Amino acid sequence: MVYNGEGCFLKELFPISDYDWRLAWDRNSPEVLYTWKPRALYKYNVITGKAEVLKSFAPLNLALKPPGPSLNQSGDRILVITSDGTFRSYRLPDMEEERTFRVTYPPNCSSVWREERYIGYRNYVATACHSTDLSTRAILVYDDTGTLIHRIDGIGMGHYDFSPDGQLAYFKMPGVPRGGAKTPLEIRVMNLDGTNDRVLYSVPHSQARYLQNLHLSWPDTVSHWFVASFFPSARNLPSTYDSPLDEIVLITTSGKYRFLARTGTVIPPQEGFWGQPLASPSSDGSRVSFNSNRSGAINQYILWVPTGAVPK
């Protein structure tokens, strides 16, 4: 289903039995999105409701992997990963100028094929891997010709995001290292070459221990701030409220921040991933879409970012 930016229902597109829900919107034509079936990539017009095959991989006896399609920063190339582990990108709209490459992962480190995509900065592509015991984790950033830009060790993909000017926002959960002192929650940012790694927001272990997880998301056209959405577990709630618990927080690259709203989300075990707020700002950062189960069901909400909300 499609809703407008005010949250009003527009139309139903297609059942997921027809095309996959892991799709990508065209960066230049808002009426066009890209979706897929196991062996083909499609261009879908949301106005006419018609789909056309952009590329079939059946002649190669290949299927597409779960991450689905993604577009580069300028929106003139589209990327998919095929079942043989090959990253394949094509020029839009004619699907010519194919570029392919394969990733060399560190020893005992493998991808689960969920987050591989163009990252929204230049023609850069990210993939992640981890070992079975999680002792090895890495994000590998390539350009779409197969040149390795940087390998970021100790970080896995998932609830992290990339800025449109080549930064990575990530976090370290609070913990108690063996034989060491309790560590705080840290939300950090770094350049893609590993430089200028710094803490933007930190929470003492005593406050952060009630968090189950959080999610970071960067507006597509904003480089100086992103949002963090926190959520606790229903099994681990404080006796009295103490932030951050269920907030959406706007965090700037200068280290200043502002609390925007509480989502009211509390995650019971059966809801798992789908109950998480997963707050995601619009391209210009004027509003934020998020989930919440505060009504008893998982619903979608829109938060309008107040004018002047970004700390100076």
C-alpha atoms as a PDB file:
ATOM      1  CA  MET A   1       0.000   0.000   0.000  1.00  0.00           C
ATOM      2  CA  VAL A   2       1.085   3.580  -0.644  1.00  0.00           C
ATOM      3  CA  TYR A   3       0.516   6.542   1.679  1.00  0.00           C
ATOM      4  CA  ASN A   4       1.442  10.148   1.100  1.00  0.00           C
ATOM      5  CA  GLY A   5       3.713  12.220   3.332  1.00  0.00           C
ATOM      6  CA  GLU A   6       0.743  13.233   5.483  1.00  0.00           C
ATOM      7  CA  GLY A   7      -0.036   9.581   6.257  1.00  0.00           C
ATOM      8  CA  CYS A   8      -3.125   9.427   4.019  1.00  0.00           C
ATOM      9  CA  PHE A   9      -3.852   6.192   2.128  1.00  0.00           C
ATOM     10  CA  LEU A  10      -3.474   6.510  -1.632  1.00  0.00           C
ATOM     11  CA  LYS A  11      -3.759   3.041  -3.118  1.00  0.00           C
ATOM     12  CA  GLU A  12      -2.865  -0.621  -2.841  1.00  0.00           C
ATOM     13  CA  LEU A  13      -0.003  -1.622  -5.098  1.00  0.00           C
ATOM     14  CA  PHE A  14       0.384  -5.388  -5.251  1.00  0.00           C
ATOM     15  CA  PRO A  15       0.278  -8.456  -2.997  1.00  0.00           C
ATOM     16  CA  ILE A  16       3.671  -9.786  -1.966  1.00  0.00           C
ATOM     17  CA  SER A  17       2.799 -12.989  -3.794  1.00  0.00           C
ATOM     18  CA  ASP A  18       3.233 -10.990  -7.023  1.00  0.00           C
ATOM     19  CA  TYR A  19       6.430  -9.045  -6.296  1.00  0.00           C
ATOM     20  CA  ASP A  20       8.850  -8.729  -3.392  1.00  0.00           C
ATOM     21  CA  TRP A  21       8.328  -6.039  -0.721  1.00  0.00           C
ATOM     22  CA  ARG A  22      12.088  -5.388  -0.464  1.00  0.00           C
ATOM     23  CA  LEU A  23      12.154  -2.703  -3.109  1.00  0.00           C
ATOM     24  CA  ALA A  24      13.738   0.645  -3.978  1.00  0.00           C
ATOM     25  CA  TRP A  25      12.150   3.918  -5.113  1.00  0.00           C
ATOM     26  CA  ASP A  26      13.613   5.732  -8.088  1.00  0.00           C
ATOM     27  CA  ARG A  27      15.605   8.773  -6.887  1.00  0.00           C
ATOM     28  CA  ASN A  28      14.410  11.010  -9.728  1.00  0.00           C
ATOM     29  CA  SER A  29      10.900   9.767 -10.610  1.00  0.00           C
ATOM     30  CA  PRO A  30       8.609   9.436  -7.568  1.00  0.00           C
ATOM     31  CA  GLU A  31       6.060   7.416  -9.527  1.00  0.00           C
ATOM     32  CA  VAL A  32       8.594   4.612 -10.186  1.00  0.00           C
ATOM     33  CA  LEU A  33       9.906   1.885  -7.917  1.00  0.00           C
ATOM     34  CA  TYR A  34      12.011  -1.222  -8.511  1.00  0.00           C
ATOM     35  CA  THR A  35      10.992  -4.639  -7.254  1.00  0.00           C
ATOM     36  CA  TRP A  36      11.768  -8.233  -8.100  1.00  0.00           C
ATOM     37  CA  LYS A  37      10.831 -11.873  -8.346  1.00  0.00           C
ATOM     38  CA  PRO A  38      13.383 -14.623  -7.771  1.00  0.00           C
ATOM     39  CA  ARG A  39      14.745 -14.525 -11.321  1.00  0.00           C
ATOM     40  CA  ALA A  40      13.932 -11.034 -12.605  1.00  0.00           C
ATOM     41  CA  LEU A  41      14.189  -7.326 -11.768  1.00  0.00           C
ATOM     42  CA  TYR A  42      11.129  -5.154 -12.469  1.00  0.00           C
ATOM     43  CA  LYS A  43      10.311  -1.483 -12.932  1.00  0.00           C
ATOM     44  CA  TYR A  44       6.896  -0.725 -11.429  1.00  0.00           C
ATOM     45  CA  ASN A  45       4.819   2.407 -12.102  1.00  0.00           C
ATOM     46  CA  VAL A  46       2.724   3.227  -9.025  1.00  0.00           C
ATOM     47  CA  ILE A  47       0.358   5.435 -11.065  1.00  0.00           C
ATOM     48  CA  THR A  48      -0.540   2.913 -13.758  1.00  0.00           C
ATOM     49  CA  GLY A  49       0.025  -0.174 -11.620  1.00  0.00           C
ATOM     50  CA  LYS A  50       2.013  -1.789 -14.423  1.00  0.00           C
ATOM     51  CA  ALA A  51       5.339  -3.610 -14.156  1.00  0.00           C
ATOM     52  CA  GLU A  52       7.926  -4.235 -16.825  1.00  0.00           C
ATOM     53  CA  VAL A  53      10.904  -6.568 -16.763  1.00  0.00           C
ATOM     54  CA  LEU A  54      14.171  -4.670 -16.594  1.00  0.00           C
ATOM     55  CA  LYS A  55      16.451  -7.699 -16.462  1.00  0.00           C
ATOM     56  CA  SER A  56      15.823 -11.427 -16.404  1.00  0.00           C
ATOM     57  CA  PHE A  57      18.478 -13.658 -14.871  1.00  0.00           C
ATOM     58  CA  ALA A  58      16.751 -16.884 -15.910  1.00  0.00           C
ATOM     59  CA  PRO A  59      18.987 -17.289 -19.010  1.00  0.00           C
ATOM     60  CA  LEU A  60      21.987 -17.318 -16.658  1.00  0.00           C
ATOM     61  CA  ASN A  61      20.210 -19.838 -14.386  1.00  0.00           C
ATOM     62  CA  LEU A  62      20.555 -17.314 -11.542  1.00  0.00           C
ATOM     63  CA  ALA A  63      18.210 -15.857  -8.938  1.00  0.00           C
ATOM     64  CA  LEU A  64      18.376 -12.648  -6.901  1.00  0.00           C
ATOM     65  CA  LYS A  65      19.500 -12.610  -3.285  1.00  0.00           C
ATOM     66  CA  PRO A  66      17.243 -11.184  -0.524  1.00  0.00           C
ATOM     67  CA  PRO A  67      18.676  -7.642  -0.213  1.00  0.00           C
ATOM     68  CA  GLY A  68      16.847  -6.722  -3.415  1.00  0.00           C
ATOM     69  CA  PRO A  69      17.660  -3.675  -5.569  1.00  0.00           C
ATOM     70  CA  SER A  70      19.273  -0.391  -4.498  1.00  0.00           C
ATOM     71  CA  LEU A  71      20.298   2.789  -6.316  1.00  0.00           C
ATOM     72  CA  ASN A  72      23.495   4.848  -6.236  1.00  0.00           C
ATOM     73  CA  GLN A  73      23.570   8.435  -4.972  1.00  0.00           C
ATOM     74  CA  SER A  74      22.816  10.062  -8.335  1.00  0.00           C
ATOM     75  CA  GLY A  75      20.108   7.519  -9.102  1.00  0.00           C
ATOM     76  CA  ASP A  76      21.519   6.547 -12.481  1.00  0.00           C
ATOM     77  CA  ARG A  77      22.643   3.007 -11.558  1.00  0.00           C
ATOM     78  CA  ILE A  78      20.839   0.068  -9.951  1.00  0.00           C
ATOM     79  CA  LEU A  79      22.462  -2.800  -8.037  1.00  0.00           C
ATOM     80  CA  VAL A  80      21.399  -6.390  -7.373  1.00  0.00           C
ATOM     81  CA  ILE A  81      23.238  -9.452  -6.045  1.00  0.00           C
ATOM     82  CA  THR A  82      22.709 -12.766  -7.788  1.00  0.00           C
ATOM     83  CA  SER A  83      22.674 -16.244  -6.291  1.00  0.00           C
ATOM     84  CA  ASP A  84      26.263 -16.912  -7.360  1.00  0.00           C
ATOM     85  CA  GLY A  85      27.416 -14.117  -5.011  1.00  0.00           C
ATOM     86  CA  THR A  86      28.094 -11.626  -7.806  1.00  0.00           C
ATOM     87  CA  PHE A  87      27.323  -7.936  -7.304  1.00  0.00           C
ATOM     88  CA  ARG A  88      25.830  -6.611 -10.557  1.00  0.00           C
ATOM     89  CA  SER A  89      25.007  -2.975 -11.366  1.00  0.00           C
ATOM     90  CA  TYR A  90      23.468  -1.450 -14.484  1.00  0.00           C
ATOM     91  CA  ARG A  91      22.970   2.012 -15.957  1.00  0.00           C
ATOM     92  CA  LEU A  92      19.418   3.356 -15.807  1.00  0.00           C
ATOM     93  CA  PRO A  93      17.153   3.439 -17.657  1.00  0.00           C
ATOM     94  CA  ASP A  94      18.603   1.261 -20.433  1.00  0.00           C
ATOM     95  CA  MET A  95      20.205  -1.419 -18.170  1.00  0.00           C
ATOM     96  CA  GLU A  96      23.442  -1.242 -20.155  1.00  0.00           C
ATOM     97  CA  GLU A  97      27.045  -0.842 -18.919  1.00  0.00           C
ATOM     98  CA  GLU A  98      27.008  -3.853 -16.594  1.00  0.00           C
ATOM     99  CA  ARG A  99      29.593  -3.792 -13.785  1.00  0.00           C
ATOM    100  CA  THR A 100      30.253  -6.945 -11.776  1.00  0.00           C
ATOM    101  CA  PHE A 101      32.481  -7.954  -8.897  1.00  0.00           C
ATOM    102  CA  ARG A 102      32.827 -10.549  -6.157  1.00  0.00           C
ATOM    103  CA  VAL A 103      33.674  -9.821  -2.516  1.00  0.00           C
ATOM    104  CA  THR A 104      36.584 -11.402  -0.656  1.00  0.00           C
ATOM    105  CA  TYR A 105      35.531 -11.746   2.968  1.00  0.00           C
ATOM    106  CA  PRO A 106      37.951 -12.209   5.892  1.00  0.00           C
ATOM    107  CA  PRO A 107      38.626 -15.837   6.963  1.00  0.00           C
ATOM    108  CA  ASN A 108      35.686 -17.483   8.787  1.00  0.00           C
ATOM    109  CA  CYS A 109      33.556 -14.400   8.117  1.00  0.00           C
ATOM    110  CA  SER A 110      30.458 -14.801   5.955  1.00  0.00           C
ATOM    111  CA  SER A 111      27.519 -12.674   4.891  1.00  0.00           C
ATOM    112  CA  VAL A 112      23.898 -13.468   5.714  1.00  0.00           C
ATOM    113  CA  TRP A 113      22.819 -11.480   2.600  1.00  0.00           C
ATOM    114  CA  ARG A 114      20.424  -9.009   4.191  1.00  0.00           C
ATOM    115  CA  GLU A 115      22.069  -5.557   4.049  1.00  0.00           C
ATOM    116  CA  GLU A 116      24.154  -5.482   0.857  1.00  0.00           C
ATOM    117  CA  ARG A 117      23.354  -2.289  -1.044  1.00  0.00           C
ATOM    118  CA  TYR A 118      24.449   1.003  -2.523  1.00  0.00           C
ATOM    119  CA  ILE A 119      24.948   3.153   0.588  1.00  0.00           C
ATOM    120  CA  GLY A 120      23.703   6.465  -0.877  1.00  0.00           C
ATOM    121  CA  TYR A 121      27.176   7.962  -1.256  1.00  0.00           C
ATOM    122  CA  ARG A 122      28.743   8.043  -4.736  1.00  0.00           C
ATOM    123  CA  ASN A 123      28.813   4.547  -6.266  1.00  0.00           C
ATOM    124  CA  TYR A 124      29.836   2.916  -2.988  1.00  0.00           C
ATOM    125  CA  VAL A 125      28.467  -0.468  -1.982  1.00  0.00           C
ATOM    126  CA  ALA A 126      28.523  -2.020   1.497  1.00  0.00           C
ATOM    127  CA  THR A 127      28.435  -5.626   2.614  1.00  0.00           C
ATOM    128  CA  ALA A 128      28.954  -7.118   6.054  1.00  0.00           C
ATOM    129  CA  CYS A 129      30.107 -10.401   7.489  1.00  0.00           C
ATOM    130  CA  HIS A 130      30.519 -12.102  10.846  1.00  0.00           C
ATOM    131  CA  SER A 131      31.924 -15.348  12.193  1.00  0.00           C
ATOM    132  CA  THR A 132      29.732 -17.921  13.931  1.00  0.00           C
ATOM    133  CA  ASP A 133      30.940 -16.866  17.381  1.00  0.00           C
ATOM    134  CA  LEU A 134      30.827 -13.136  16.445  1.00  0.00           C
ATOM    135  CA  SER A 135      34.511 -12.739  17.300  1.00  0.00           C
ATOM    136  CA  THR A 136      35.030 -11.412  13.771  1.00  0.00           C
ATOM    137  CA  ARG A 137      32.734  -8.748  12.359  1.00  0.00           C
ATOM    138  CA  ALA A 138      33.384  -6.376   9.515  1.00  0.00           C
ATOM    139  CA  ILE A 139      31.792  -3.971   7.076  1.00  0.00           C
ATOM    140  CA  LEU A 140      33.453  -3.875   3.664  1.00  0.00           C
ATOM    141  CA  VAL A 141      32.903  -0.815   1.480  1.00  0.00           C
ATOM    142  CA  TYR A 142      33.552  -1.171  -2.261  1.00  0.00           C
ATOM    143  CA  ASP A 143      32.870   0.957  -5.265  1.00  0.00           C
ATOM    144  CA  ASP A 144      30.750  -0.776  -7.870  1.00  0.00           C
ATOM    145  CA  THR A 145      33.755  -1.607 -10.037  1.00  0.00           C
ATOM    146  CA  GLY A 146      35.015  -3.919  -7.272  1.00  0.00           C
ATOM    147  CA  THR A 147      37.669  -1.675  -5.710  1.00  0.00           C
ATOM    148  CA  LEU A 148      37.810  -2.078  -1.939  1.00  0.00           C
ATOM    149  CA  ILE A 149      37.511   1.375  -0.349  1.00  0.00           C
ATOM    150  CA  HIS A 150      37.874   0.348   3.294  1.00  0.00           C
ATOM    151  CA  ARG A 151      37.336  -2.584   5.640  1.00  0.00           C
ATOM    152  CA  ILE A 152      35.790  -1.535   8.969  1.00  0.00           C
ATOM    153  CA  ASP A 153      36.506  -4.179  11.590  1.00  0.00           C
ATOM    154  CA  GLY A 154      34.537  -4.803  14.758  1.00  0.00           C
ATOM    155  CA  ILE A 155      31.243  -3.486  13.393  1.00  0.00           C
ATOM    156  CA  GLY A 156      28.411  -5.443  11.827  1.00  0.00           C
ATOM    157  CA  MET A 157      25.675  -4.152   9.559  1.00  0.00           C
ATOM    158  CA  GLY A 158      22.105  -3.825  10.740  1.00  0.00           C
ATOM    159  CA  HIS A 159      20.947  -0.796  12.722  1.00  0.00           C
ATOM    160  CA  TYR A 160      23.665   1.529  11.339  1.00  0.00           C
ATOM    161  CA  ASP A 161      23.512   3.987   8.471  1.00  0.00           C
ATOM    162  CA  PHE A 162      25.618   6.013   6.036  1.00  0.00           C
ATOM    163  CA  SER A 163      25.441   9.748   5.353  1.00  0.00           C
ATOM    164  CA  PRO A 164      25.236  11.318   1.881  1.00  0.00           C
ATOM    165  CA  ASP A 165      28.745  12.747   2.348  1.00  0.00           C
ATOM    166  CA  GLY A 166      30.527   9.531   3.316  1.00  0.00           C
ATOM    167  CA  GLN A 167      30.182   9.026   7.076  1.00  0.00           C
ATOM    168  CA  LEU A 168      29.073   5.997   9.058  1.00  0.00           C
ATOM    169  CA  ALA A 169      26.904   6.369  12.164  1.00  0.00           C
ATOM    170  CA  TYR A 170      27.129   3.328  14.442  1.00  0.00           C
ATOM    171  CA  PHE A 171      26.898   2.452  18.130  1.00  0.00           C
ATOM    172  CA  LYS A 172      28.397   0.319  20.865  1.00  0.00           C
ATOM    173  CA  MET A 173      25.987  -1.220  23.343  1.00  0.00           C
ATOM    174  CA  PRO A 174      26.742  -1.017  27.103  1.00  0.00           C
ATOM    175  CA  GLY A 175      28.556  -3.988  28.558  1.00  0.00           C
ATOM    176  CA  VAL A 176      30.686  -5.470  31.281  1.00  0.00           C
ATOM    177  CA  PRO A 177      33.953  -6.760  29.777  1.00  0.00           C
ATOM    178  CA  ARG A 178      35.504  -9.701  31.590  1.00  0.00           C
ATOM    179  CA  GLY A 179      37.573  -8.306  34.429  1.00  0.00           C
ATOM    180  CA  GLY A 180      36.792  -4.719  33.423  1.00  0.00           C
ATOM    181  CA  ALA A 181      34.546  -1.836  34.373  1.00  0.00           C
ATOM    182  CA  LYS A 182      31.031  -1.343  33.024  1.00  0.00           C
ATOM    183  CA  THR A 183      31.041   0.435  29.676  1.00  0.00           C
ATOM    184  CA  PRO A 184      28.482   3.021  28.520  1.00  0.00           C
ATOM    185  CA  LEU A 185      26.303   3.104  25.445  1.00  0.00           C
ATOM    186  CA  GLU A 186      28.064   5.120  22.744  1.00  0.00           C
ATOM    187  CA  ILE A 187      26.690   6.468  19.471  1.00  0.00           C
ATOM    188  CA  ARG A 188      29.606   7.279  17.213  1.00  0.00           C
ATOM    189  CA  VAL A 189      30.404   8.538  13.747  1.00  0.00           C
ATOM    190  CA  MET A 190      33.419   7.961  11.508  1.00  0.00           C
ATOM    191  CA  ASN A 191      34.602   8.632   7.978  1.00  0.00           C
ATOM    192  CA  LEU A 192      34.479   5.686   5.599  1.00  0.00           C
ATOM    193  CA  ASP A 193      38.274   5.479   5.563  1.00  0.00           C
ATOM    194  CA  GLY A 194      38.241   4.933   9.342  1.00  0.00           C
ATOM    195  CA  THR A 195      39.388   8.431  10.292  1.00  0.00           C
ATOM    196  CA  ASN A 196      37.772  10.915  12.697  1.00  0.00           C
ATOM    197  CA  ASP A 197      36.029   8.211  14.739  1.00  0.00           C
ATOM    198  CA  ARG A 198      34.361   9.984  17.646  1.00  0.00           C
ATOM    199  CA  VAL A 199      31.590   9.723  20.243  1.00  0.00           C
ATOM    200  CA  LEU A 200      28.564  11.968  19.660  1.00  0.00           C
ATOM    201  CA  TYR A 201      26.222  10.694  22.384  1.00  0.00           C
ATOM    202  CA  SER A 202      26.939   8.581  25.448  1.00  0.00           C
ATOM    203  CA  VAL A 203      24.718   7.090  28.152  1.00  0.00           C
ATOM    204  CA  PRO A 204      26.002   5.557  31.427  1.00  0.00           C
ATOM    205  CA  HIS A 205      25.610   1.821  31.825  1.00  0.00           C
ATOM    206  CA  SER A 206      23.106   2.290  34.674  1.00  0.00           C
ATOM    207  CA  GLN A 207      20.692   4.113  32.348  1.00  0.00           C
ATOM    208  CA  ALA A 208      21.374   2.210  29.148  1.00  0.00           C
ATOM    209  CA  ARG A 209      20.984  -1.274  30.651  1.00  0.00           C
ATOM    210  CA  TYR A 210      17.221  -1.153  30.069  1.00  0.00           C
ATOM    211  CA  LEU A 211      17.615  -0.805  26.316  1.00  0.00           C
ATOM    212  CA  GLN A 212      17.143  -3.839  24.111  1.00  0.00           C
ATOM    213  CA  ASN A 213      18.525  -2.126  21.026  1.00  0.00           C
ATOM    214  CA  LEU A 214      18.393   1.003  18.885  1.00  0.00           C
ATOM    215  CA  HIS A 215      18.332   2.036  15.263  1.00  0.00           C
ATOM    216  CA  LEU A 216      20.198   4.833  13.434  1.00  0.00           C
ATOM    217  CA  SER A 217      18.995   6.439  10.214  1.00  0.00           C
ATOM    218  CA  TRP A 218      20.356   9.329   8.164  1.00  0.00           C
ATOM    219  CA  PRO A 219      18.223  11.556   5.863  1.00  0.00           C
ATOM    220  CA  ASP A 220      19.253  10.993   2.254  1.00  0.00           C
ATOM    221  CA  THR A 221      20.118  14.648   1.617  1.00  0.00           C
ATOM    222  CA  VAL A 222      21.250  15.788   5.090  1.00  0.00           C
ATOM    223  CA  SER A 223      24.857  15.346   6.185  1.00  0.00           C
ATOM    224  CA  HIS A 224      25.019  17.029   9.605  1.00  0.00           C
ATOM    225  CA  TRP A 225      22.461  15.053  11.634  1.00  0.00           C
ATOM    226  CA  PHE A 226      20.682  11.709  11.921  1.00  0.00           C
ATOM    227  CA  VAL A 227      18.077  10.130  14.210  1.00  0.00           C
ATOM    228  CA  ALA A 228      18.398   7.381  16.804  1.00  0.00           C
ATOM    229  CA  SER A 229      15.348   5.418  17.936  1.00  0.00           C
ATOM    230  CA  PHE A 230      15.594   3.457  21.184  1.00  0.00           C
ATOM    231  CA  PHE A 231      13.451   0.594  22.428  1.00  0.00           C
ATOM    232  CA  PRO A 232      13.339  -1.504  25.597  1.00  0.00           C
ATOM    233  CA  SER A 233      12.281  -5.089  26.209  1.00  0.00           C
ATOM    234  CA  ALA A 234       9.023  -5.839  28.017  1.00  0.00           C
ATOM    235  CA  ARG A 235      11.083  -8.127  30.256  1.00  0.00           C
ATOM    236  CA  ASN A 236      13.492  -5.402  31.345  1.00  0.00           C
ATOM    237  CA  LEU A 237      11.784  -2.138  32.287  1.00  0.00           C
ATOM    238  CA  PRO A 238      12.883   0.348  34.950  1.00  0.00           C
ATOM    239  CA  SER A 239      10.598   0.978  37.930  1.00  0.00           C
ATOM    240  CA  THR A 240      10.499   4.661  36.968  1.00  0.00           C
ATOM    241  CA  TYR A 241      11.141   6.346  33.643  1.00  0.00           C
ATOM    242  CA  ASP A 242      14.726   7.279  32.814  1.00  0.00           C
ATOM    243  CA  SER A 243      15.921   8.327  29.368  1.00  0.00           C
ATOM    244  CA  PRO A 244      16.786   7.039  26.930  1.00  0.00           C
ATOM    245  CA  LEU A 245      14.119   4.346  26.919  1.00  0.00           C
ATOM    246  CA  ASP A 246      11.744   4.722  23.988  1.00  0.00           C
ATOM    247  CA  GLU A 247      12.817   8.058  22.527  1.00  0.00           C
ATOM    248  CA  ILE A 248      13.552   9.285  19.038  1.00  0.00           C
ATOM    249  CA  VAL A 249      16.598  11.541  19.316  1.00  0.00           C
ATOM    250  CA  LEU A 250      18.062  13.901  16.715  1.00  0.00           C
ATOM    251  CA  ILE A 251      21.881  13.801  16.961  1.00  0.00           C
ATOM    252  CA  THR A 252      24.199  16.220  15.171  1.00  0.00           C
ATOM    253  CA  THR A 253      27.727  15.520  13.990  1.00  0.00           C
ATOM    254  CA  SER A 254      28.906  18.270  16.354  1.00  0.00           C
ATOM    255  CA  GLY A 255      27.747  16.176  19.320  1.00  0.00           C
ATOM    256  CA  LYS A 256      24.635  18.168  20.176  1.00  0.00           C
ATOM    257  CA  TYR A 257      21.269  16.452  20.316  1.00  0.00           C
ATOM    258  CA  ARG A 258      17.560  16.958  20.907  1.00  0.00           C
ATOM    259  CA  PHE A 259      14.865  14.541  22.094  1.00  0.00           C
ATOM    260  CA  LEU A 260      12.004  14.657  19.572  1.00  0.00           C
ATOM    261  CA  ALA A 261       9.418  12.221  20.947  1.00  0.00           C
ATOM    262  CA  ARG A 262       8.728   9.064  22.906  1.00  0.00           C
ATOM    263  CA  THR A 263       7.301   6.208  20.855  1.00  0.00           C
ATOM    264  CA  GLY A 264       5.684   4.265  23.708  1.00  0.00           C
ATOM    265  CA  THR A 265       7.177   1.094  22.266  1.00  0.00           C
ATOM    266  CA  VAL A 266       7.780  -1.921  24.516  1.00  0.00           C
ATOM    267  CA  ILE A 267       8.897  -5.073  22.730  1.00  0.00           C
ATOM    268  CA  PRO A 268       7.499  -8.450  23.847  1.00  0.00           C
ATOM    269  CA  PRO A 269       9.421 -11.501  22.601  1.00  0.00           C
ATOM    270  CA  GLN A 270       6.798 -12.512  20.033  1.00  0.00           C
ATOM    271  CA  GLU A 271       6.966  -9.168  18.200  1.00  0.00           C
ATOM    272  CA  GLY A 272      10.726  -9.034  17.777  1.00  0.00           C
ATOM    273  CA  PHE A 273      11.912  -7.086  14.753  1.00  0.00           C
ATOM    274  CA  TRP A 274       8.518  -5.817  13.571  1.00  0.00           C
ATOM    275  CA  GLY A 275       7.710  -4.152  16.874  1.00  0.00           C
ATOM    276  CA  GLN A 276      10.859  -2.036  16.842  1.00  0.00           C
ATOM    277  CA  PRO A 277      10.409   1.695  16.048  1.00  0.00           C
ATOM    278  CA  LEU A 278      13.050   1.643  13.264  1.00  0.00           C
ATOM    279  CA  ALA A 279      12.610   5.408  12.858  1.00  0.00           C
ATOM    280  CA  SER A 280      13.474   6.615   9.365  1.00  0.00           C
ATOM    281  CA  PRO A 281      13.553  10.293   8.325  1.00  0.00           C
ATOM    282  CA  SER A 282      12.343  11.584   4.985  1.00  0.00           C
ATOM    283  CA  SER A 283      14.947  12.575   2.414  1.00  0.00           C
ATOM    284  CA  ASP A 284      14.996  16.204   3.599  1.00  0.00           C
ATOM    285  CA  GLY A 285      14.598  15.344   7.296  1.00  0.00           C
ATOM    286  CA  SER A 286      11.289  17.205   7.675  1.00  0.00           C
ATOM    287  CA  ARG A 287       9.467  14.181   9.106  1.00  0.00           C
ATOM    288  CA  VAL A 288      10.209  10.790  10.598  1.00  0.00           C
ATOM    289  CA  SER A 289       8.322   7.531  10.041  1.00  0.00           C
ATOM    290  CA  PHE A 290       8.373   4.980  12.863  1.00  0.00           C
ATOM    291  CA  ASN A 291       6.597   1.922  14.285  1.00  0.00           C
ATOM    292  CA  SER A 292       5.012   1.661  17.714  1.00  0.00           C
ATOM    293  CA  ASN A 293       2.996  -0.951  19.586  1.00  0.00           C
ATOM    294  CA  ARG A 294       1.709   1.501  22.194  1.00  0.00           C
ATOM    295  CA  SER A 295      -1.904   0.945  21.047  1.00  0.00           C
ATOM    296  CA  GLY A 296      -1.604  -2.813  21.542  1.00  0.00           C
ATOM    297  CA  ALA A 297      -0.999  -3.409  17.833  1.00  0.00           C
ATOM    298  CA  ILE A 298       1.986  -2.485  15.691  1.00  0.00           C
ATOM    299  CA  ASN A 299       1.110   0.707  13.807  1.00  0.00           C
ATOM    300  CA  GLN A 300       2.953   3.180  11.617  1.00  0.00           C
ATOM    301  CA  TYR A 301       3.312   6.801  12.726  1.00  0.00           C
ATOM    302  CA  ILE A 302       4.713  10.046  11.315  1.00  0.00           C
ATOM    303  CA  LEU A 303       6.575  12.579  13.434  1.00  0.00           C
ATOM    304  CA  TRP A 304       6.970  16.102  12.038  1.00  0.00           C
ATOM    305  CA  VAL A 305      10.372  17.503  12.985  1.00  0.00           C
ATOM    306  CA  PRO A 306       9.754  20.967  14.470  1.00  0.00           C
ATOM    307  CA  THR A 307      11.231  23.970  12.692  1.00  0.00           C
ATOM    308  CA  GLY A 308      14.450  24.851  14.489  1.00  0.00           C
ATOM    309  CA  ALA A 309      14.746  21.397  16.061  1.00  0.00           C
ATOM    310  CA  VAL A 310      18.352  20.941  14.935  1.00  0.00           C
ATOM    311  CA  PRO A 311      20.651  22.257  17.705  1.00  0.00           C
ATOM    312  CA  LYS A 312      22.987  25.024  16.590  1.00  0.00           C
END
